[in-house]
Amino acid sequence: MATIGMNDLKTGLTILYNQSIWRVLEFQHVKPGKGAAFVRSKLKNLRTGAVNEVTFRPGDKFQTASIESADMQYLYAEGDARVFMNTETYDQISIPDDKLQDALRFLLENMTVKVTTYEGEILDVEVPKTVELTVKETQPGIKGATANGGGKPATMETGLVITVPDFVNAGDKLIVNTDDGGSYSSRA
Protein backbone atom coordinates (compact mmCIF):
# COMPACT_ATOMS: atom_id res chain seq x y z
CA MET A 1 0.00 0.00 0.00
CA ALA A 2 1.34 3.35 -1.03
CA THR A 3 0.67 6.64 0.73
CA ILE A 4 -0.64 9.27 -1.66
CA GLY A 5 -1.76 12.88 -1.41
CA MET A 6 -4.52 15.01 -2.84
CA ASN A 7 -2.69 15.58 -6.17
CA ASP A 8 -2.41 11.80 -6.83
CA LEU A 9 -6.19 11.20 -6.96
CA LYS A 10 -7.59 9.81 -10.20
CA THR A 11 -10.88 8.26 -11.29
CA GLY A 12 -11.13 4.54 -10.48
CA LEU A 13 -8.46 4.67 -7.75
CA THR A 14 -9.33 2.78 -4.55
CA ILE A 15 -8.24 4.35 -1.24
CA LEU A 16 -8.50 3.75 2.50
CA TYR A 17 -10.20 6.78 4.06
CA ASN A 18 -12.13 7.16 7.35
CA GLN A 19 -11.69 3.46 8.25
CA SER A 20 -13.35 2.26 5.05
CA ILE A 21 -12.55 1.43 1.42
CA TRP A 22 -13.57 4.02 -1.18
CA ARG A 23 -13.42 4.17 -4.99
CA VAL A 24 -12.90 7.61 -6.60
CA LEU A 25 -15.84 8.14 -8.98
CA GLU A 26 -14.85 11.67 -10.00
CA PHE A 27 -12.65 14.52 -8.82
CA GLN A 28 -11.92 18.12 -9.67
CA HIS A 29 -8.91 20.28 -8.76
CA VAL A 30 -10.12 23.73 -7.63
CA LYS A 31 -7.80 26.77 -7.48
CA PRO A 32 -9.71 29.65 -5.92
CA GLY A 33 -8.51 33.25 -6.37
CA LYS A 34 -7.59 33.41 -2.69
CA GLY A 35 -6.41 30.59 -0.47
CA ALA A 36 -4.94 27.17 -1.16
CA ALA A 37 -6.03 24.82 -3.93
CA PHE A 38 -8.19 21.82 -2.99
CA VAL A 39 -9.75 18.76 -4.59
CA ARG A 40 -13.51 18.20 -4.67
CA SER A 41 -14.25 14.48 -5.12
CA LYS A 42 -17.09 11.98 -5.25
CA LEU A 43 -16.25 8.70 -3.49
CA LYS A 44 -18.18 5.41 -3.32
CA ASN A 45 -17.92 3.30 -0.17
CA LEU A 46 -17.25 -0.25 -1.39
CA ARG A 47 -18.61 -1.80 1.83
CA THR A 48 -21.96 0.04 1.99
CA GLY A 49 -22.44 1.36 -1.56
CA ALA A 50 -22.93 4.93 -0.23
CA VAL A 51 -21.66 7.80 -2.39
CA ASN A 52 -20.22 10.86 -0.59
CA GLU A 53 -18.76 14.16 -1.75
CA VAL A 54 -15.45 14.83 0.00
CA THR A 55 -13.12 17.84 -0.16
CA PHE A 56 -9.39 17.19 0.26
CA ARG A 57 -6.90 19.88 1.25
CA PRO A 58 -3.15 20.02 0.62
CA GLY A 59 -1.38 17.81 3.13
CA ASP A 60 -4.21 15.24 3.31
CA LYS A 61 -2.68 11.77 2.95
CA PHE A 62 -4.25 8.33 2.54
CA GLN A 63 -3.33 4.77 1.61
CA THR A 64 -4.16 3.10 -1.69
CA ALA A 65 -6.14 -0.13 -1.30
CA SER A 66 -5.38 -3.06 -3.59
CA ILE A 67 -8.65 -4.57 -4.68
CA GLU A 68 -8.74 -7.98 -6.37
CA SER A 69 -11.39 -9.24 -8.78
CA ALA A 70 -11.81 -12.83 -9.89
CA ASP A 71 -14.26 -14.69 -12.11
CA MET A 72 -16.08 -17.29 -10.00
CA GLN A 73 -18.67 -19.90 -10.87
CA TYR A 74 -21.72 -20.33 -8.62
CA LEU A 75 -21.91 -23.99 -7.56
CA TYR A 76 -24.68 -24.49 -4.96
CA ALA A 77 -26.54 -23.17 -1.90
CA GLU A 78 -25.35 -24.26 1.54
CA GLY A 79 -27.61 -23.09 4.38
CA ASP A 80 -27.61 -19.26 4.45
CA ALA A 81 -24.65 -19.05 2.05
CA ARG A 82 -23.66 -19.80 -1.53
CA VAL A 83 -20.54 -21.69 -2.63
CA PHE A 84 -18.44 -20.29 -5.51
CA MET A 85 -15.38 -21.66 -7.30
CA ASN A 86 -12.56 -19.55 -8.73
CA THR A 87 -12.45 -20.43 -12.45
CA GLU A 88 -8.62 -20.17 -12.59
CA THR A 89 -7.43 -21.70 -9.29
CA TYR A 90 -10.47 -23.95 -8.59
CA ASP A 91 -10.46 -22.69 -4.96
CA GLN A 92 -13.93 -22.70 -3.41
CA ILE A 93 -15.33 -20.02 -1.10
CA SER A 94 -18.62 -19.67 0.74
CA ILE A 95 -20.32 -16.24 0.60
CA PRO A 96 -23.15 -15.45 3.07
CA ASP A 97 -26.50 -14.51 1.45
CA ASP A 98 -26.49 -11.07 3.14
CA LYS A 99 -23.26 -10.20 1.24
CA LEU A 100 -24.87 -11.15 -2.09
CA GLN A 101 -27.84 -8.76 -1.75
CA ASP A 102 -29.25 -8.02 -5.23
CA ALA A 103 -27.19 -10.73 -6.98
CA LEU A 104 -29.38 -13.45 -5.40
CA ARG A 105 -32.33 -12.40 -7.58
CA PHE A 106 -30.41 -13.39 -10.72
CA LEU A 107 -28.14 -16.22 -9.53
CA LEU A 108 -28.37 -19.63 -11.24
CA GLU A 109 -26.14 -22.68 -10.77
CA ASN A 110 -23.02 -22.65 -13.00
CA MET A 111 -23.34 -18.87 -13.64
CA THR A 112 -20.02 -17.00 -13.75
CA VAL A 113 -19.88 -13.80 -11.66
CA LYS A 114 -17.13 -11.29 -10.80
CA VAL A 115 -16.21 -11.32 -7.08
CA THR A 116 -14.33 -8.27 -5.73
CA THR A 117 -12.30 -8.69 -2.53
CA TYR A 118 -10.01 -6.65 -0.28
CA GLU A 119 -7.64 -8.68 1.92
CA GLY A 120 -10.05 -11.63 1.86
CA GLU A 121 -13.14 -9.49 2.63
CA ILE A 122 -15.87 -9.83 -0.01
CA LEU A 123 -16.92 -6.37 -1.20
CA ASP A 124 -19.06 -7.08 -4.25
CA VAL A 125 -20.51 -9.86 -6.36
CA GLU A 126 -21.32 -8.65 -9.88
CA VAL A 127 -23.66 -10.67 -12.10
CA PRO A 128 -23.60 -10.38 -15.92
CA LYS A 129 -25.47 -7.41 -17.50
CA THR A 130 -28.14 -9.80 -18.84
CA VAL A 131 -29.18 -13.25 -17.66
CA GLU A 132 -31.43 -15.95 -19.14
CA LEU A 133 -34.20 -16.94 -16.72
CA THR A 134 -37.22 -19.22 -17.09
CA VAL A 135 -40.73 -17.97 -16.22
CA LYS A 136 -41.97 -20.06 -13.30
CA GLU A 137 -45.41 -18.51 -12.94
CA THR A 138 -47.54 -15.94 -14.80
CA GLN A 139 -51.06 -15.49 -16.15
CA PRO A 140 -51.72 -17.34 -19.43
CA GLY A 141 -50.56 -15.55 -22.57
CA ILE A 142 -53.04 -13.63 -24.71
CA LYS A 143 -53.10 -14.60 -28.40
CA GLY A 144 -52.22 -11.71 -30.68
CA ALA A 145 -50.74 -9.64 -27.83
CA THR A 146 -47.85 -7.36 -28.74
CA ALA A 147 -44.70 -6.40 -26.84
CA ASN A 148 -46.12 -2.87 -26.46
CA GLY A 149 -49.10 -3.95 -24.33
CA GLY A 150 -49.54 -3.07 -20.66
CA GLY A 151 -47.73 -6.15 -19.44
CA LYS A 152 -48.28 -8.52 -16.52
CA PRO A 153 -46.21 -9.72 -13.55
CA ALA A 154 -44.16 -12.90 -13.93
CA THR A 155 -42.25 -14.84 -11.27
CA MET A 156 -38.90 -16.11 -12.56
CA GLU A 157 -37.15 -19.32 -11.45
CA THR A 158 -34.99 -17.33 -8.98
CA GLY A 159 -38.03 -15.76 -7.28
CA LEU A 160 -37.53 -12.40 -9.06
CA VAL A 161 -40.83 -10.78 -10.12
CA ILE A 162 -40.73 -8.64 -13.30
CA THR A 163 -43.26 -7.14 -15.70
CA VAL A 164 -43.42 -9.00 -19.01
CA PRO A 165 -45.46 -8.56 -22.23
CA ASP A 166 -48.90 -10.22 -22.34
CA PHE A 167 -47.78 -12.94 -24.83
CA VAL A 168 -45.26 -14.51 -22.36
CA ASN A 169 -46.22 -17.88 -20.83
CA ALA A 170 -44.95 -19.98 -17.91
CA GLY A 171 -41.94 -22.02 -19.06
CA ASP A 172 -40.70 -19.36 -21.52
CA LYS A 173 -37.01 -18.45 -21.33
CA LEU A 174 -36.41 -14.69 -21.18
CA ILE A 175 -33.40 -12.37 -21.32
CA VAL A 176 -33.51 -10.14 -18.20
CA ASN A 177 -31.48 -6.93 -17.66
CA THR A 178 -29.71 -6.89 -14.28
CA ASP A 179 -28.55 -3.24 -14.38
CA ASP A 180 -31.94 -1.77 -13.48
CA GLY A 181 -32.88 -4.33 -10.83
CA GLY A 182 -34.44 -6.73 -13.33
CA SER A 183 -36.47 -5.86 -16.41
CA TYR A 184 -37.68 -7.83 -19.43
CA SER A 185 -35.39 -7.49 -22.45
CA SER A 186 -36.53 -10.19 -24.90
CA ARG A 187 -37.34 -13.85 -25.36
CA ALA A 188 -34.29 -16.12 -25.30
C-alpha atoms as a PDB file:
ATOM      1  CA  MET A   1       0.000   0.000   0.000  1.00  0.00           C
ATOM      2  CA  ALA A   2       1.344   3.353  -1.028  1.00  0.00           C
ATOM      3  CA  THR A   3       0.666   6.645   0.733  1.00  0.00           C
ATOM      4  CA  ILE A   4      -0.638   9.273  -1.661  1.00  0.00           C
ATOM      5  CA  GLY A   5      -1.759  12.877  -1.407  1.00  0.00           C
ATOM      6  CA  MET A   6      -4.515  15.014  -2.845  1.00  0.00           C
ATOM      7  CA  ASN A   7      -2.686  15.581  -6.175  1.00  0.00           C
ATOM      8  CA  ASP A   8      -2.405  11.805  -6.829  1.00  0.00           C
ATOM      9  CA  LEU A   9      -6.187  11.196  -6.956  1.00  0.00           C
ATOM     10  CA  LYS A  10      -7.595   9.809 -10.202  1.00  0.00           C
ATOM     11  CA  THR A  11     -10.876   8.260 -11.294  1.00  0.00           C
ATOM     12  CA  GLY A  12     -11.128   4.545 -10.485  1.00  0.00           C
ATOM     13  CA  LEU A  13      -8.461   4.667  -7.745  1.00  0.00           C
ATOM     14  CA  THR A  14      -9.331   2.780  -4.546  1.00  0.00           C
ATOM     15  CA  ILE A  15      -8.239   4.346  -1.243  1.00  0.00           C
ATOM     16  CA  LEU A  16      -8.499   3.745   2.502  1.00  0.00           C
ATOM     17  CA  TYR A  17     -10.199   6.777   4.064  1.00  0.00           C
ATOM     18  CA  ASN A  18     -12.132   7.158   7.355  1.00  0.00           C
ATOM     19  CA  GLN A  19     -11.690   3.456   8.253  1.00  0.00           C
ATOM     20  CA  SER A  20     -13.349   2.263   5.046  1.00  0.00           C
ATOM     21  CA  ILE A  21     -12.554   1.432   1.417  1.00  0.00           C
ATOM     22  CA  TRP A  22     -13.567   4.021  -1.180  1.00  0.00           C
ATOM     23  CA  ARG A  23     -13.416   4.174  -4.990  1.00  0.00           C
ATOM     24  CA  VAL A  24     -12.899   7.607  -6.598  1.00  0.00           C
ATOM     25  CA  LEU A  25     -15.838   8.138  -8.984  1.00  0.00           C
ATOM     26  CA  GLU A  26     -14.852  11.674 -10.001  1.00  0.00           C
ATOM     27  CA  PHE A  27     -12.650  14.515  -8.820  1.00  0.00           C
ATOM     28  CA  GLN A  28     -11.920  18.120  -9.667  1.00  0.00           C
ATOM     29  CA  HIS A  29      -8.911  20.278  -8.763  1.00  0.00           C
ATOM     30  CA  VAL A  30     -10.117  23.729  -7.632  1.00  0.00           C
ATOM     31  CA  LYS A  31      -7.802  26.768  -7.484  1.00  0.00           C
ATOM     32  CA  PRO A  32      -9.707  29.649  -5.916  1.00  0.00           C
ATOM     33  CA  GLY A  33      -8.509  33.245  -6.368  1.00  0.00           C
ATOM     34  CA  LYS A  34      -7.585  33.411  -2.691  1.00  0.00           C
ATOM     35  CA  GLY A  35      -6.410  30.588  -0.473  1.00  0.00           C
ATOM     36  CA  ALA A  36      -4.937  27.171  -1.163  1.00  0.00           C
ATOM     37  CA  ALA A  37      -6.030  24.817  -3.926  1.00  0.00           C
ATOM     38  CA  PHE A  38      -8.195  21.815  -2.988  1.00  0.00           C
ATOM     39  CA  VAL A  39      -9.754  18.755  -4.587  1.00  0.00           C
ATOM     40  CA  ARG A  40     -13.510  18.195  -4.668  1.00  0.00           C
ATOM     41  CA  SER A  41     -14.252  14.484  -5.120  1.00  0.00           C
ATOM     42  CA  LYS A  42     -17.088  11.982  -5.252  1.00  0.00           C
ATOM     43  CA  LEU A  43     -16.253   8.702  -3.485  1.00  0.00           C
ATOM     44  CA  LYS A  44     -18.175   5.409  -3.317  1.00  0.00           C
ATOM     45  CA  ASN A  45     -17.924   3.299  -0.168  1.00  0.00           C
ATOM     46  CA  LEU A  46     -17.252  -0.255  -1.393  1.00  0.00           C
ATOM     47  CA  ARG A  47     -18.611  -1.796   1.832  1.00  0.00           C
ATOM     48  CA  THR A  48     -21.959   0.043   1.986  1.00  0.00           C
ATOM     49  CA  GLY A  49     -22.439   1.361  -1.561  1.00  0.00           C
ATOM     50  CA  ALA A  50     -22.935   4.929  -0.232  1.00  0.00           C
ATOM     51  CA  VAL A  51     -21.658   7.801  -2.391  1.00  0.00           C
ATOM     52  CA  ASN A  52     -20.221  10.861  -0.593  1.00  0.00           C
ATOM     53  CA  GLU A  53     -18.758  14.156  -1.752  1.00  0.00           C
ATOM     54  CA  VAL A  54     -15.447  14.834   0.004  1.00  0.00           C
ATOM     55  CA  THR A  55     -13.121  17.844  -0.155  1.00  0.00           C
ATOM     56  CA  PHE A  56      -9.394  17.186   0.261  1.00  0.00           C
ATOM     57  CA  ARG A  57      -6.901  19.876   1.253  1.00  0.00           C
ATOM     58  CA  PRO A  58      -3.149  20.021   0.616  1.00  0.00           C
ATOM     59  CA  GLY A  59      -1.377  17.815   3.131  1.00  0.00           C
ATOM     60  CA  ASP A  60      -4.211  15.236   3.311  1.00  0.00           C
ATOM     61  CA  LYS A  61      -2.675  11.770   2.951  1.00  0.00           C
ATOM     62  CA  PHE A  62      -4.253   8.327   2.539  1.00  0.00           C
ATOM     63  CA  GLN A  63      -3.333   4.769   1.614  1.00  0.00           C
ATOM     64  CA  THR A  64      -4.158   3.103  -1.689  1.00  0.00           C
ATOM     65  CA  ALA A  65      -6.137  -0.134  -1.299  1.00  0.00           C
ATOM     66  CA  SER A  66      -5.376  -3.057  -3.586  1.00  0.00           C
ATOM     67  CA  ILE A  67      -8.651  -4.575  -4.680  1.00  0.00           C
ATOM     68  CA  GLU A  68      -8.740  -7.977  -6.368  1.00  0.00           C
ATOM     69  CA  SER A  69     -11.386  -9.238  -8.779  1.00  0.00           C
ATOM     70  CA  ALA A  70     -11.813 -12.835  -9.894  1.00  0.00           C
ATOM     71  CA  ASP A  71     -14.263 -14.689 -12.110  1.00  0.00           C
ATOM     72  CA  MET A  72     -16.083 -17.288 -10.002  1.00  0.00           C
ATOM     73  CA  GLN A  73     -18.667 -19.900 -10.870  1.00  0.00           C
ATOM     74  CA  TYR A  74     -21.716 -20.330  -8.621  1.00  0.00           C
ATOM     75  CA  LEU A  75     -21.913 -23.987  -7.560  1.00  0.00           C
ATOM     76  CA  TYR A  76     -24.680 -24.488  -4.958  1.00  0.00           C
ATOM     77  CA  ALA A  77     -26.543 -23.165  -1.899  1.00  0.00           C
ATOM     78  CA  GLU A  78     -25.354 -24.263   1.539  1.00  0.00           C
ATOM     79  CA  GLY A  79     -27.614 -23.087   4.381  1.00  0.00           C
ATOM     80  CA  ASP A  80     -27.611 -19.263   4.446  1.00  0.00           C
ATOM     81  CA  ALA A  81     -24.652 -19.053   2.054  1.00  0.00           C
ATOM     82  CA  ARG A  82     -23.661 -19.801  -1.525  1.00  0.00           C
ATOM     83  CA  VAL A  83     -20.538 -21.694  -2.635  1.00  0.00           C
ATOM     84  CA  PHE A  84     -18.443 -20.287  -5.514  1.00  0.00           C
ATOM     85  CA  MET A  85     -15.384 -21.665  -7.305  1.00  0.00           C
ATOM     86  CA  ASN A  86     -12.556 -19.551  -8.731  1.00  0.00           C
ATOM     87  CA  THR A  87     -12.450 -20.433 -12.451  1.00  0.00           C
ATOM     88  CA  GLU A  88      -8.621 -20.171 -12.588  1.00  0.00           C
ATOM     89  CA  THR A  89      -7.432 -21.696  -9.293  1.00  0.00           C
ATOM     90  CA  TYR A  90     -10.465 -23.950  -8.593  1.00  0.00           C
ATOM     91  CA  ASP A  91     -10.458 -22.693  -4.963  1.00  0.00           C
ATOM     92  CA  GLN A  92     -13.934 -22.697  -3.413  1.00  0.00           C
ATOM     93  CA  ILE A  93     -15.332 -20.021  -1.102  1.00  0.00           C
ATOM     94  CA  SER A  94     -18.619 -19.668   0.738  1.00  0.00           C
ATOM     95  CA  ILE A  95     -20.319 -16.244   0.599  1.00  0.00           C
ATOM     96  CA  PRO A  96     -23.153 -15.446   3.066  1.00  0.00           C
ATOM     97  CA  ASP A  97     -26.495 -14.512   1.447  1.00  0.00           C
ATOM     98  CA  ASP A  98     -26.489 -11.074   3.141  1.00  0.00           C
ATOM     99  CA  LYS A  99     -23.257 -10.198   1.242  1.00  0.00           C
ATOM    100  CA  LEU A 100     -24.867 -11.151  -2.090  1.00  0.00           C
ATOM    101  CA  GLN A 101     -27.837  -8.757  -1.746  1.00  0.00           C
ATOM    102  CA  ASP A 102     -29.253  -8.024  -5.230  1.00  0.00           C
ATOM    103  CA  ALA A 103     -27.190 -10.735  -6.984  1.00  0.00           C
ATOM    104  CA  LEU A 104     -29.377 -13.454  -5.399  1.00  0.00           C
ATOM    105  CA  ARG A 105     -32.330 -12.397  -7.576  1.00  0.00           C
ATOM    106  CA  PHE A 106     -30.410 -13.393 -10.723  1.00  0.00           C
ATOM    107  CA  LEU A 107     -28.139 -16.215  -9.534  1.00  0.00           C
ATOM    108  CA  LEU A 108     -28.367 -19.626 -11.235  1.00  0.00           C
ATOM    109  CA  GLU A 109     -26.144 -22.675 -10.775  1.00  0.00           C
ATOM    110  CA  ASN A 110     -23.016 -22.650 -12.999  1.00  0.00           C
ATOM    111  CA  MET A 111     -23.344 -18.873 -13.637  1.00  0.00           C
ATOM    112  CA  THR A 112     -20.023 -16.999 -13.746  1.00  0.00           C
ATOM    113  CA  VAL A 113     -19.876 -13.798 -11.656  1.00  0.00           C
ATOM    114  CA  LYS A 114     -17.129 -11.294 -10.798  1.00  0.00           C
ATOM    115  CA  VAL A 115     -16.213 -11.319  -7.080  1.00  0.00           C
ATOM    116  CA  THR A 116     -14.328  -8.275  -5.732  1.00  0.00           C
ATOM    117  CA  THR A 117     -12.301  -8.691  -2.529  1.00  0.00           C
ATOM    118  CA  TYR A 118     -10.013  -6.655  -0.275  1.00  0.00           C
ATOM    119  CA  GLU A 119      -7.635  -8.679   1.921  1.00  0.00           C
ATOM    120  CA  GLY A 120     -10.047 -11.632   1.861  1.00  0.00           C
ATOM    121  CA  GLU A 121     -13.138  -9.486   2.635  1.00  0.00           C
ATOM    122  CA  ILE A 122     -15.875  -9.827  -0.008  1.00  0.00           C
ATOM    123  CA  LEU A 123     -16.917  -6.366  -1.196  1.00  0.00           C
ATOM    124  CA  ASP A 124     -19.061  -7.077  -4.246  1.00  0.00           C
ATOM    125  CA  VAL A 125     -20.514  -9.864  -6.364  1.00  0.00           C
ATOM    126  CA  GLU A 126     -21.319  -8.647  -9.881  1.00  0.00           C
ATOM    127  CA  VAL A 127     -23.663 -10.673 -12.101  1.00  0.00           C
ATOM    128  CA  PRO A 128     -23.604 -10.384 -15.924  1.00  0.00           C
ATOM    129  CA  LYS A 129     -25.469  -7.414 -17.502  1.00  0.00           C
ATOM    130  CA  THR A 130     -28.136  -9.798 -18.839  1.00  0.00           C
ATOM    131  CA  VAL A 131     -29.176 -13.254 -17.665  1.00  0.00           C
ATOM    132  CA  GLU A 132     -31.425 -15.953 -19.144  1.00  0.00           C
ATOM    133  CA  LEU A 133     -34.204 -16.938 -16.722  1.00  0.00           C
ATOM    134  CA  THR A 134     -37.218 -19.223 -17.086  1.00  0.00           C
ATOM    135  CA  VAL A 135     -40.729 -17.968 -16.215  1.00  0.00           C
ATOM    136  CA  LYS A 136     -41.970 -20.064 -13.296  1.00  0.00           C
ATOM    137  CA  GLU A 137     -45.410 -18.513 -12.935  1.00  0.00           C
ATOM    138  CA  THR A 138     -47.538 -15.942 -14.800  1.00  0.00           C
ATOM    139  CA  GLN A 139     -51.060 -15.485 -16.146  1.00  0.00           C
ATOM    140  CA  PRO A 140     -51.721 -17.342 -19.426  1.00  0.00           C
ATOM    141  CA  GLY A 141     -50.561 -15.550 -22.569  1.00  0.00           C
ATOM    142  CA  ILE A 142     -53.035 -13.635 -24.709  1.00  0.00           C
ATOM    143  CA  LYS A 143     -53.104 -14.605 -28.397  1.00  0.00           C
ATOM    144  CA  GLY A 144     -52.221 -11.706 -30.680  1.00  0.00           C
ATOM    145  CA  ALA A 145     -50.742  -9.635 -27.835  1.00  0.00           C
ATOM    146  CA  THR A 146     -47.848  -7.356 -28.742  1.00  0.00           C
ATOM    147  CA  ALA A 147     -44.703  -6.398 -26.839  1.00  0.00           C
ATOM    148  CA  ASN A 148     -46.121  -2.865 -26.464  1.00  0.00           C
ATOM    149  CA  GLY A 149     -49.098  -3.953 -24.331  1.00  0.00           C
ATOM    150  CA  GLY A 150     -49.544  -3.073 -20.663  1.00  0.00           C
ATOM    151  CA  GLY A 151     -47.731  -6.152 -19.436  1.00  0.00           C
ATOM    152  CA  LYS A 152     -48.280  -8.516 -16.515  1.00  0.00           C
ATOM    153  CA  PRO A 153     -46.209  -9.717 -13.546  1.00  0.00           C
ATOM    154  CA  ALA A 154     -44.163 -12.901 -13.930  1.00  0.00           C
ATOM    155  CA  THR A 155     -42.249 -14.839 -11.271  1.00  0.00           C
ATOM    156  CA  MET A 156     -38.900 -16.107 -12.560  1.00  0.00           C
ATOM    157  CA  GLU A 157     -37.147 -19.325 -11.454  1.00  0.00           C
ATOM    158  CA  THR A 158     -34.988 -17.335  -8.978  1.00  0.00           C
ATOM    159  CA  GLY A 159     -38.027 -15.757  -7.284  1.00  0.00           C
ATOM    160  CA  LEU A 160     -37.533 -12.405  -9.061  1.00  0.00           C
ATOM    161  CA  VAL A 161     -40.833 -10.775 -10.121  1.00  0.00           C
ATOM    162  CA  ILE A 162     -40.728  -8.643 -13.295  1.00  0.00           C
ATOM    163  CA  THR A 163     -43.257  -7.142 -15.701  1.00  0.00           C
ATOM    164  CA  VAL A 164     -43.419  -9.002 -19.010  1.00  0.00           C
ATOM    165  CA  PRO A 165     -45.456  -8.558 -22.226  1.00  0.00           C
ATOM    166  CA  ASP A 166     -48.901 -10.222 -22.345  1.00  0.00           C
ATOM    167  CA  PHE A 167     -47.782 -12.943 -24.829  1.00  0.00           C
ATOM    168  CA  VAL A 168     -45.257 -14.507 -22.365  1.00  0.00           C
ATOM    169  CA  ASN A 169     -46.220 -17.884 -20.827  1.00  0.00           C
ATOM    170  CA  ALA A 170     -44.955 -19.977 -17.907  1.00  0.00           C
ATOM    171  CA  GLY A 171     -41.937 -22.022 -19.058  1.00  0.00           C
ATOM    172  CA  ASP A 172     -40.696 -19.359 -21.517  1.00  0.00           C
ATOM    173  CA  LYS A 173     -37.009 -18.453 -21.334  1.00  0.00           C
ATOM    174  CA  LEU A 174     -36.410 -14.685 -21.183  1.00  0.00           C
ATOM    175  CA  ILE A 175     -33.402 -12.366 -21.320  1.00  0.00           C
ATOM    176  CA  VAL A 176     -33.515 -10.140 -18.201  1.00  0.00           C
ATOM    177  CA  ASN A 177     -31.484  -6.930 -17.661  1.00  0.00           C
ATOM    178  CA  THR A 178     -29.713  -6.889 -14.285  1.00  0.00           C
ATOM    179  CA  ASP A 179     -28.549  -3.235 -14.385  1.00  0.00           C
ATOM    180  CA  ASP A 180     -31.937  -1.774 -13.482  1.00  0.00           C
ATOM    181  CA  GLY A 181     -32.878  -4.329 -10.832  1.00  0.00           C
ATOM    182  CA  GLY A 182     -34.443  -6.733 -13.328  1.00  0.00           C
ATOM    183  CA  SER A 183     -36.474  -5.865 -16.406  1.00  0.00           C
ATOM    184  CA  TYR A 184     -37.683  -7.825 -19.433  1.00  0.00           C
ATOM    185  CA  SER A 185     -35.389  -7.488 -22.447  1.00  0.00           C
ATOM    186  CA  SER A 186     -36.530 -10.186 -24.899  1.00  0.00           C
ATOM    187  CA  ARG A 187     -37.339 -13.851 -25.363  1.00  0.00           C
ATOM    188  CA  ALA A 188     -34.291 -16.120 -25.297  1.00  0.00           C
END
